[in-house]
Amino acid sequence: MNYDLIVDLHKNLRSWQVKRQLGVKPYSFRKLNIEKWLLVNAKINFLPNKHIVDRNLETVADLEVENDGKGLDYFIPEHDEVEPSDFISFTSTDKNYIAFAIGAAHATKRLPNEKIIAICNGIALPIVLLGGKEDKINSDLIHSKSSSYIVNLVGKLNLNQSASVVRQAYKVITHDTGLMHIAAAFQKKIISIWGSTVPEFGMTPYTK
């Protein structure tokens, strides 16, 4: 394969090896690791007040790539679209429901199960739990202990199907996950729950 250039948004050892092997002009993301270390360890903030998406776009500014101002995009193949009424027994013509993405990459980035259960118990609308197979044990516990109407789809859907559930939800509750950013792409009302991080890292939901 022949490439004219490479855009490296990871800028780690593996991407360095790829750049070295390709031998073409690289455009590499500035990770600002020193600035992040200073903020976390010394509470000294030299980070720019910019979202990670805007910083990514700066990587290719020389290529005249511009932000269209329309937010993120996520496209769902037609065969992965789901119909909420297939798994939710709506009691009226109002088909609103809450999508709750219960997983996270690290334990310190997700709520304890008892907190999730308490949140669910305070919601009157149907709740659809979303997550990967690694979240199944937690979702089963939440489902069994909550008094709310919960549909547990954790581990049962692929990413596009989960995105379809998110797209059609009234609101989305989520930790710092891929589904949070997918919800932002659909301009959903998002309640995002954060653990061991800071907003200055620029990882919040990106909306137009």
Protein backbone atom coordinates (compact mmCIF):
# COMPACT_ATOMS: atom_id res chain seq x y z
CA MET A 1 0.00 0.00 0.00
CA ASN A 2 1.15 3.52 -0.80
CA TYR A 3 0.21 6.50 1.34
CA ASP A 4 0.90 10.20 0.85
CA LEU A 5 0.72 11.08 4.54
CA ILE A 6 -0.38 9.74 7.91
CA VAL A 7 -2.51 11.47 10.56
CA ASP A 8 -1.52 10.19 14.00
CA LEU A 9 -4.04 11.07 16.72
CA HIS A 10 -2.68 8.49 19.18
CA LYS A 11 0.99 9.45 19.20
CA ASN A 12 2.19 6.42 21.13
CA LEU A 13 4.82 3.73 20.59
CA ARG A 14 2.66 1.70 18.21
CA SER A 15 1.71 4.67 16.06
CA TRP A 16 5.38 5.74 16.02
CA GLN A 17 6.27 2.31 14.63
CA VAL A 18 3.61 2.66 11.92
CA LYS A 19 4.92 6.10 10.95
CA ARG A 20 8.48 4.77 10.84
CA GLN A 21 7.50 1.86 8.61
CA LEU A 22 5.44 3.97 6.21
CA GLY A 23 8.08 6.65 5.87
CA VAL A 24 5.63 9.35 4.75
CA LYS A 25 4.94 12.80 6.13
CA PRO A 26 3.18 12.54 9.52
CA TYR A 27 0.74 14.96 11.11
CA SER A 28 0.85 14.09 14.81
CA PHE A 29 -1.47 15.13 17.62
CA ARG A 30 0.04 17.14 20.47
CA LYS A 31 -0.87 15.08 23.55
CA LEU A 32 0.35 17.68 26.06
CA ASN A 33 1.39 14.96 28.52
CA ILE A 34 3.57 17.32 30.56
CA GLU A 35 0.71 19.79 30.92
CA LYS A 36 -1.66 16.98 31.95
CA TRP A 37 0.86 15.69 34.49
CA LEU A 38 1.23 19.16 36.01
CA LEU A 39 -2.54 19.54 36.34
CA VAL A 40 -3.06 16.12 37.92
CA ASN A 41 -0.06 16.14 40.26
CA ALA A 42 0.63 19.80 40.98
CA LYS A 43 -2.77 21.37 40.20
CA ILE A 44 -1.04 23.76 37.78
CA ASN A 45 -3.14 24.23 34.67
CA PHE A 46 -1.37 25.06 31.41
CA LEU A 47 -3.85 23.14 29.25
CA PRO A 48 -5.65 25.06 26.48
CA ASN A 49 -9.35 25.64 26.98
CA LYS A 50 -10.25 23.46 24.00
CA HIS A 51 -12.18 20.27 23.47
CA ILE A 52 -10.20 17.24 22.33
CA VAL A 53 -12.13 17.28 19.02
CA ASP A 54 -10.94 20.80 18.26
CA ARG A 55 -7.39 19.87 19.22
CA ASN A 56 -7.60 16.85 16.90
CA LEU A 57 -8.69 19.12 14.06
CA GLU A 58 -5.73 21.41 14.71
CA THR A 59 -3.51 18.44 13.83
CA VAL A 60 -4.65 18.68 10.21
CA ALA A 61 -5.03 22.46 9.98
CA ASP A 62 -2.23 22.60 7.39
CA LEU A 63 -4.36 20.34 5.18
CA GLU A 64 -7.14 22.96 5.29
CA VAL A 65 -9.47 20.66 7.20
CA GLU A 66 -12.03 22.85 8.93
CA ASN A 67 -14.71 22.26 11.53
CA ASP A 68 -18.14 22.42 9.87
CA GLY A 69 -19.70 23.42 13.19
CA LYS A 70 -22.29 20.64 12.99
CA GLY A 71 -20.93 18.49 15.80
CA LEU A 72 -20.07 14.80 15.57
CA ASP A 73 -21.43 12.27 13.08
CA TYR A 74 -22.48 8.68 13.64
CA PHE A 75 -24.18 6.65 10.93
CA ILE A 76 -26.20 3.52 11.71
CA PRO A 77 -26.64 0.91 8.96
CA GLU A 78 -30.30 0.28 8.24
CA HIS A 79 -30.02 -3.38 9.22
CA ASP A 80 -28.83 -2.38 12.71
CA GLU A 81 -31.74 -0.05 13.49
CA VAL A 82 -33.91 -1.36 16.33
CA GLU A 83 -37.55 -0.75 17.22
CA PRO A 84 -37.94 0.20 20.92
CA SER A 85 -41.45 -1.25 21.12
CA ASP A 86 -39.94 -4.67 20.40
CA PHE A 87 -38.41 -4.71 23.89
CA ILE A 88 -40.32 -2.03 25.84
CA SER A 89 -43.98 -2.48 26.80
CA PHE A 90 -45.17 1.11 26.55
CA THR A 91 -48.33 1.84 28.52
CA SER A 92 -49.36 4.87 26.45
CA THR A 93 -48.71 6.60 23.15
CA ASP A 94 -45.83 8.38 24.89
CA LYS A 95 -42.86 6.21 23.95
CA ASN A 96 -40.19 8.06 25.92
CA TYR A 97 -37.52 6.06 27.71
CA ILE A 98 -34.13 6.59 29.33
CA ALA A 99 -31.00 4.92 27.96
CA PHE A 100 -28.47 4.19 30.73
CA ALA A 101 -24.95 3.17 29.66
CA ILE A 102 -23.70 1.55 32.88
CA GLY A 103 -20.16 0.59 31.86
CA ALA A 104 -16.84 2.43 31.88
CA ALA A 105 -13.26 1.65 30.96
CA HIS A 106 -12.13 1.70 34.60
CA ALA A 107 -13.88 0.98 37.91
CA THR A 108 -13.06 4.48 39.17
CA LYS A 109 -15.00 5.94 36.23
CA ARG A 110 -18.32 4.24 37.02
CA LEU A 111 -20.84 4.58 39.79
CA PRO A 112 -21.20 1.75 42.31
CA ASN A 113 -24.18 -0.49 41.59
CA GLU A 114 -26.09 0.79 44.61
CA LYS A 115 -25.86 4.36 43.26
CA ILE A 116 -27.08 3.25 39.83
CA ILE A 117 -29.97 1.41 41.47
CA ALA A 118 -30.87 4.52 43.47
CA ILE A 119 -30.89 6.63 40.29
CA CYS A 120 -33.05 4.09 38.48
CA ASN A 121 -35.50 3.97 41.37
CA GLY A 122 -36.04 7.72 41.01
CA ILE A 123 -36.97 7.53 37.32
CA ALA A 124 -40.59 7.10 36.26
CA LEU A 125 -39.90 6.35 32.59
CA PRO A 126 -38.79 2.94 31.30
CA ILE A 127 -35.01 2.49 31.53
CA VAL A 128 -32.92 0.58 29.01
CA LEU A 129 -29.56 -0.62 30.35
CA LEU A 130 -26.75 -0.67 27.78
CA GLY A 131 -23.22 -1.99 27.94
CA GLY A 132 -20.87 -4.73 26.82
CA LYS A 133 -20.66 -8.35 27.90
CA GLU A 134 -18.19 -7.34 30.62
CA ASP A 135 -21.02 -5.34 32.26
CA LYS A 136 -23.49 -8.25 32.37
CA ILE A 137 -22.98 -9.23 36.02
CA ASN A 138 -23.52 -5.64 37.14
CA SER A 139 -26.55 -5.17 34.91
CA ASP A 140 -28.19 -8.35 36.20
CA LEU A 141 -27.76 -7.13 39.78
CA ILE A 142 -29.10 -3.66 38.95
CA HIS A 143 -32.06 -5.19 37.12
CA SER A 144 -32.93 -7.52 39.99
CA LYS A 145 -32.57 -4.93 42.77
CA SER A 146 -34.32 -1.95 41.17
CA SER A 147 -38.01 -1.27 41.60
CA SER A 148 -38.24 0.63 38.29
CA TYR A 149 -39.26 -0.72 34.90
CA ILE A 150 -35.90 -1.78 33.48
CA VAL A 151 -35.07 -3.50 30.21
CA ASN A 152 -31.64 -5.10 30.42
CA LEU A 153 -30.00 -5.16 26.98
CA VAL A 154 -26.44 -5.27 28.28
CA GLY A 155 -24.34 -7.67 26.23
CA LYS A 156 -27.19 -8.33 23.79
CA LEU A 157 -26.61 -5.63 21.18
CA ASN A 158 -23.77 -4.65 18.92
CA LEU A 159 -22.48 -1.08 18.95
CA ASN A 160 -24.69 0.11 16.10
CA GLN A 161 -27.80 -1.39 17.69
CA SER A 162 -26.92 0.26 21.00
CA ALA A 163 -26.48 3.53 19.11
CA SER A 164 -29.96 3.09 17.66
CA VAL A 165 -31.37 2.71 21.18
CA VAL A 166 -29.49 5.86 22.23
CA ARG A 167 -30.69 7.81 19.18
CA GLN A 168 -34.34 7.13 20.00
CA ALA A 169 -34.07 7.71 23.76
CA TYR A 170 -35.62 10.71 25.51
CA LYS A 171 -32.48 11.20 27.59
CA VAL A 172 -29.19 9.37 28.05
CA ILE A 173 -27.40 8.72 31.34
CA THR A 174 -23.84 7.59 30.82
CA HIS A 175 -20.37 7.38 32.21
CA ASP A 176 -17.38 8.46 30.12
CA THR A 177 -18.00 5.94 27.33
CA GLY A 178 -18.22 5.68 23.58
CA LEU A 179 -22.01 5.75 23.88
CA MET A 180 -21.71 9.16 25.55
CA HIS A 181 -20.00 10.53 22.44
CA ILE A 182 -22.50 8.75 20.18
CA ALA A 183 -25.32 10.40 22.15
CA ALA A 184 -23.61 13.75 21.57
CA ALA A 185 -23.52 13.02 17.83
CA PHE A 186 -27.30 12.62 17.95
CA GLN A 187 -27.67 15.85 19.97
CA LYS A 188 -29.37 13.97 22.81
CA LYS A 189 -30.00 15.33 26.28
CA ILE A 190 -27.10 13.80 28.22
CA ILE A 191 -26.43 13.33 31.91
CA SER A 192 -22.75 12.34 31.97
CA ILE A 193 -21.21 10.93 35.14
CA TRP A 194 -17.48 11.36 35.67
CA GLY A 195 -14.97 9.70 37.95
CA SER A 196 -11.23 10.22 38.19
CA THR A 197 -10.64 12.90 35.56
CA VAL A 198 -11.04 16.64 35.07
CA PRO A 199 -13.03 18.65 32.48
CA GLU A 200 -9.84 20.44 31.42
CA PHE A 201 -8.78 17.29 29.55
CA GLY A 202 -11.46 18.19 27.00
CA MET A 203 -13.24 14.83 26.86
CA THR A 204 -16.77 16.04 27.63
CA PRO A 205 -19.68 15.41 25.20
CA TYR A 206 -19.01 17.42 22.05
CA THR A 207 -22.11 19.15 20.72
CA LYS A 208 -22.58 21.91 18.18
